[in-house]
Amino acid sequence: MKKIVILSLHLLSAVWAWAAAPVGETVWLYHIDNASYVTADAGNGYAVAAQGVSSLGVAQLFIIEDVDGTNIALKAFVNGKYIQIQTDDKDKLYAVATNTTDALTHFLWSDLSGGKVRLTCIGDPDGNANVSPSGASEILRSNSSETGSETEFSWGIVEGLLPIDSLVYSVDDESVTLDWDDNASGNLDFYRVYRSSESGTNYVAIATNVAESMYTDIGMPGGITYYYVVTMVDTNGTESAFSNEIAAVPLVSTIVTT
């Protein structure tokens, strides 16, 4: 009889937790213990990690989808792939699945007090399925039976304009031309362009009130790497998260003076 009661409570908890999941929304997750946003890291095969990321961009956004009326899947905004447990790689999470037919892409979203959430992989065969970061790279894994702060994430819904994920570039003599997809939202006011000499940090706005989805940065010494991101600002003055970052090296000027 005791087992029946526990099962009933578990089922009620699962239904309640899913009901609280923001299905259809784009969200960010933040690991409190690590003080880092959860990121689908393109530089590491889209491993999902929580290490040293203090700002939001496309790699930190995930779309919540219903998979079976009880559990959810998380689709990485940066590449459109679903997070899946890799049972042959220490139960690490990677955003690599093209669909949600495999139960290893299914998670229970359990709301906690204080606006926090715990994620549990339903398809993990070893049963230790709560998600937490571990290892030197702090990649998320579904191998914890613990329920402490290491398995807790704060989260939020991304409001307003979603960040640009299509930034590309071309180079010429001492110039870099940026291009990105037009925004379809009716409340876009303008774009803002940022540049840095370091990847992922210390961006400085170099152009604002940019009306078109293209910008050329001129007069840049050639042979040096510059890092660019672009944001959108809506009619209320709210700025989107950073776009994907590009690294560009303008050409050294070929103009010959006599």
Protein backbone atom coordinates (compact mmCIF):
# COMPACT_ATOMS: atom_id res chain seq x y z
CA MET A 1 0.00 0.00 0.00
CA LYS A 2 2.88 2.37 0.75
CA LYS A 3 4.30 1.88 -2.73
CA ILE A 4 0.96 2.76 -4.31
CA VAL A 5 0.79 6.03 -2.34
CA ILE A 6 4.32 7.02 -3.36
CA LEU A 7 3.57 6.27 -7.02
CA SER A 8 0.42 8.36 -6.92
CA LEU A 9 2.27 11.30 -5.39
CA HIS A 10 5.01 10.97 -8.01
CA LEU A 11 2.48 11.01 -10.85
CA LEU A 12 0.69 14.01 -9.41
CA SER A 13 4.03 15.77 -9.06
CA ALA A 14 4.97 14.99 -12.66
CA VAL A 15 1.69 16.33 -14.04
CA TRP A 16 1.96 19.48 -11.92
CA ALA A 17 5.57 20.03 -12.92
CA TRP A 18 4.80 19.74 -16.63
CA ALA A 19 1.83 22.06 -16.28
CA ALA A 20 4.24 24.68 -14.96
CA ALA A 21 6.72 24.18 -17.80
CA PRO A 22 6.63 27.11 -20.23
CA VAL A 23 5.76 25.02 -23.28
CA GLY A 24 6.18 26.97 -26.50
CA GLU A 25 8.38 29.63 -24.92
CA THR A 26 12.04 30.45 -25.48
CA VAL A 27 13.86 30.41 -22.14
CA TRP A 28 17.27 30.79 -20.56
CA LEU A 29 18.66 28.62 -17.76
CA TYR A 30 21.20 29.76 -15.18
CA HIS A 31 23.14 27.44 -12.88
CA ILE A 32 23.27 29.25 -9.58
CA ASP A 33 26.18 27.34 -8.01
CA ASN A 34 28.36 27.92 -11.07
CA ALA A 35 27.12 31.48 -11.64
CA SER A 36 26.78 30.74 -15.35
CA TYR A 37 24.13 30.63 -18.04
CA VAL A 38 23.60 27.23 -19.62
CA THR A 39 25.12 27.26 -23.11
CA ALA A 40 25.00 25.04 -26.19
CA ASP A 41 28.67 25.39 -27.03
CA ALA A 42 29.28 25.30 -30.78
CA GLY A 43 33.02 25.11 -30.14
CA ASN A 44 32.61 21.82 -28.31
CA GLY A 45 30.19 19.91 -30.52
CA TYR A 46 27.20 21.71 -28.97
CA ALA A 47 27.89 20.28 -25.56
CA VAL A 48 25.47 21.84 -23.06
CA ALA A 49 27.53 23.37 -20.26
CA ALA A 50 27.34 25.89 -17.42
CA GLN A 51 30.73 27.49 -17.09
CA GLY A 52 31.83 31.12 -17.21
CA VAL A 53 29.00 32.62 -19.27
CA SER A 54 27.62 35.79 -17.75
CA SER A 55 25.57 37.25 -20.62
CA LEU A 56 22.79 36.08 -22.90
CA GLY A 57 23.12 35.35 -26.59
CA VAL A 58 21.70 32.85 -29.04
CA ALA A 59 23.74 29.99 -27.56
CA GLN A 60 22.03 30.48 -24.18
CA LEU A 61 18.44 30.16 -25.41
CA PHE A 62 16.27 27.04 -25.51
CA ILE A 63 12.76 26.42 -26.82
CA ILE A 64 10.49 24.27 -24.64
CA GLU A 65 8.36 21.71 -26.50
CA ASP A 66 5.80 19.22 -25.26
CA VAL A 67 6.65 15.62 -26.21
CA ASP A 68 3.98 13.42 -24.63
CA GLY A 69 1.64 15.52 -22.50
CA THR A 70 3.81 15.05 -19.41
CA ASN A 71 7.43 15.64 -20.38
CA ILE A 72 9.24 18.25 -22.42
CA ALA A 73 12.13 18.58 -24.85
CA LEU A 74 14.59 21.47 -25.05
CA LYS A 75 15.58 22.72 -28.49
CA ALA A 76 18.74 24.83 -28.71
CA PHE A 77 17.98 28.11 -30.42
CA VAL A 78 21.49 28.35 -31.82
CA ASN A 79 21.26 25.26 -34.08
CA GLY A 80 17.65 24.04 -33.90
CA LYS A 81 18.70 20.68 -32.41
CA TYR A 82 17.26 18.96 -29.34
CA ILE A 83 19.24 18.26 -26.20
CA GLN A 84 19.92 14.53 -25.86
CA ILE A 85 21.69 12.41 -23.26
CA GLN A 86 24.77 10.62 -24.59
CA THR A 87 24.77 7.35 -22.65
CA ASP A 88 28.06 6.33 -24.29
CA ASP A 89 29.74 9.53 -23.07
CA LYS A 90 29.14 9.63 -19.33
CA ASP A 91 25.51 10.77 -19.75
CA LYS A 92 26.59 14.19 -21.05
CA LEU A 93 24.05 16.50 -22.67
CA TYR A 94 24.53 17.63 -26.28
CA ALA A 95 22.21 19.63 -28.53
CA VAL A 96 22.44 17.24 -31.47
CA ALA A 97 19.13 15.40 -31.90
CA THR A 98 17.00 16.18 -34.95
CA ASN A 99 13.76 14.91 -33.39
CA THR A 100 12.28 13.82 -30.05
CA THR A 101 11.44 10.19 -30.79
CA ASP A 102 14.21 8.99 -28.47
CA ALA A 103 13.27 9.12 -24.78
CA LEU A 104 16.79 10.39 -24.10
CA THR A 105 15.51 13.78 -25.32
CA HIS A 106 12.63 13.76 -22.80
CA PHE A 107 12.85 15.68 -19.53
CA LEU A 108 10.63 16.22 -16.54
CA TRP A 109 10.46 19.93 -15.67
CA SER A 110 10.03 20.21 -11.89
CA ASP A 111 9.32 23.68 -10.52
CA LEU A 112 11.05 24.45 -7.22
CA SER A 113 10.64 27.27 -4.76
CA GLY A 114 12.26 30.62 -5.49
CA GLY A 115 11.67 30.47 -9.24
CA LYS A 116 14.03 27.54 -9.77
CA VAL A 117 13.69 24.32 -11.75
CA ARG A 118 15.16 20.83 -11.74
CA LEU A 119 15.46 18.81 -14.95
CA THR A 120 15.24 15.01 -14.91
CA CYS A 121 15.96 12.85 -17.95
CA ILE A 122 13.10 10.36 -18.26
CA GLY A 123 14.88 8.01 -20.65
CA ASP A 124 18.15 7.63 -18.74
CA PRO A 125 18.50 3.86 -18.20
CA ASP A 126 20.65 4.07 -15.06
CA GLY A 127 18.00 5.86 -13.02
CA ASN A 128 20.34 8.60 -11.74
CA ALA A 129 18.71 11.11 -14.01
CA ASN A 130 18.76 14.58 -12.42
CA VAL A 131 20.74 17.03 -14.51
CA SER A 132 23.74 18.88 -13.09
CA PRO A 133 27.09 20.17 -14.43
CA SER A 134 30.31 18.34 -13.56
CA GLY A 135 33.87 17.84 -14.68
CA ALA A 136 36.47 20.41 -15.68
CA SER A 137 34.29 21.69 -18.53
CA GLU A 138 31.10 21.71 -16.41
CA ILE A 139 29.10 19.92 -19.12
CA LEU A 140 25.60 19.03 -17.95
CA ARG A 141 25.02 15.32 -17.25
CA SER A 142 22.02 13.28 -16.21
CA ASN A 143 23.88 11.15 -13.69
CA SER A 144 22.88 12.59 -10.31
CA SER A 145 20.46 11.13 -7.81
CA GLU A 146 21.02 14.18 -5.63
CA THR A 147 18.43 16.92 -5.21
CA GLY A 148 20.64 19.66 -3.79
CA SER A 149 21.59 23.01 -5.26
CA GLU A 150 23.87 21.35 -7.83
CA THR A 151 20.69 20.22 -9.64
CA GLU A 152 18.91 23.58 -9.45
CA PHE A 153 18.64 26.21 -12.17
CA SER A 154 17.00 29.59 -12.23
CA TRP A 155 15.25 30.38 -15.49
CA GLY A 156 13.30 33.00 -17.37
CA ILE A 157 11.26 33.51 -20.52
CA VAL A 158 12.88 35.61 -23.23
CA GLU A 159 10.62 38.59 -23.81
CA GLY A 160 10.46 40.77 -26.89
CA LEU A 161 12.78 40.38 -29.84
CA LEU A 162 14.71 37.14 -30.14
CA PRO A 163 18.41 37.56 -30.90
CA ILE A 164 19.80 37.38 -34.41
CA ASP A 165 21.31 33.97 -35.22
CA SER A 166 22.33 34.61 -38.84
CA LEU A 167 25.21 37.09 -38.62
CA VAL A 168 27.78 36.61 -41.40
CA TYR A 169 30.55 38.79 -42.82
CA SER A 170 32.89 39.58 -45.68
CA VAL A 171 36.16 41.51 -45.63
CA ASP A 172 37.88 44.01 -47.86
CA ASP A 173 40.79 46.41 -47.52
CA GLU A 174 40.61 47.68 -43.94
CA SER A 175 36.87 47.00 -43.73
CA VAL A 176 34.41 44.39 -42.52
CA THR A 177 30.87 44.13 -43.89
CA LEU A 178 28.29 42.48 -41.64
CA ASP A 179 25.04 41.01 -42.93
CA TRP A 180 22.13 39.27 -41.22
CA ASP A 181 18.54 38.21 -41.89
CA ASP A 182 15.83 40.85 -41.76
CA ASN A 183 13.76 40.83 -38.60
CA ALA A 184 10.12 39.88 -39.18
CA SER A 185 8.82 41.47 -35.99
CA GLY A 186 6.73 44.58 -36.40
CA ASN A 187 8.07 46.30 -33.28
CA LEU A 188 11.71 46.52 -34.38
CA ASP A 189 13.05 50.07 -34.17
CA PHE A 190 16.71 49.69 -35.16
CA TYR A 191 19.82 47.52 -34.97
CA ARG A 192 22.93 48.14 -32.88
CA VAL A 193 26.41 46.86 -33.83
CA TYR A 194 29.10 45.97 -31.31
CA ARG A 195 32.82 45.23 -31.73
CA SER A 196 35.51 43.82 -29.45
CA SER A 197 39.15 42.80 -29.65
CA GLU A 198 38.32 39.78 -27.46
CA SER A 199 35.96 36.92 -28.13
CA GLY A 200 32.82 36.87 -26.02
CA THR A 201 33.49 39.94 -23.89
CA ASN A 202 34.15 43.70 -23.74
CA TYR A 203 31.88 44.58 -26.66
CA VAL A 204 31.62 48.30 -27.45
CA ALA A 205 28.75 49.75 -29.50
CA ILE A 206 30.17 51.20 -32.72
CA ALA A 207 26.90 51.93 -34.52
CA THR A 208 23.33 52.49 -33.36
CA ASN A 209 20.11 53.44 -35.15
CA VAL A 210 21.16 51.11 -37.98
CA ALA A 211 18.08 50.81 -40.19
CA GLU A 212 19.16 48.06 -42.59
CA SER A 213 20.26 44.48 -41.89
CA MET A 214 23.79 45.26 -43.07
CA TYR A 215 26.66 47.38 -41.81
CA THR A 216 30.20 48.08 -42.98
CA ASP A 217 32.91 48.90 -40.46
CA ILE A 218 35.56 50.90 -42.31
CA GLY A 219 39.03 52.18 -41.48
CA MET A 220 40.01 49.07 -39.53
CA PRO A 221 43.72 48.16 -39.65
CA GLY A 222 44.13 44.99 -41.65
CA GLY A 223 45.53 41.73 -40.38
CA ILE A 224 43.92 42.07 -36.92
CA THR A 225 41.04 39.94 -35.64
CA TYR A 226 37.88 41.78 -34.58
CA TYR A 227 34.80 40.23 -32.98
CA TYR A 228 31.30 41.47 -33.80
CA VAL A 229 27.77 40.96 -32.52
CA VAL A 230 24.52 42.72 -33.38
CA THR A 231 21.39 43.40 -31.32
CA MET A 232 17.88 44.61 -32.11
CA VAL A 233 16.11 47.39 -30.22
CA ASP A 234 12.31 47.56 -30.23
CA THR A 235 10.06 50.60 -30.16
CA ASN A 236 9.97 50.49 -26.35
CA GLY A 237 13.76 50.76 -26.17
CA THR A 238 14.21 47.11 -25.11
CA GLU A 239 17.37 45.55 -26.52
CA SER A 240 17.63 41.91 -27.56
CA ALA A 241 20.39 39.57 -26.47
CA PHE A 242 23.57 39.49 -28.56
CA SER A 243 23.57 37.73 -31.91
CA ASN A 244 25.95 34.95 -32.77
CA GLU A 245 29.52 36.27 -32.74
CA ILE A 246 31.69 36.44 -35.83
CA ALA A 247 35.47 36.87 -35.95
CA ALA A 248 36.73 38.86 -38.93
CA VAL A 249 40.19 39.87 -40.13
CA PRO A 250 40.08 42.81 -42.58
CA LEU A 251 42.58 42.77 -45.39
CA VAL A 252 45.70 44.86 -45.31
CA SER A 253 45.26 47.83 -47.65
CA THR A 254 46.66 47.25 -51.12
CA ILE A 255 46.68 50.96 -52.02
CA VAL A 256 50.14 52.00 -53.11
CA THR A 257 51.14 55.61 -52.60
CA THR A 258 53.77 57.28 -54.75
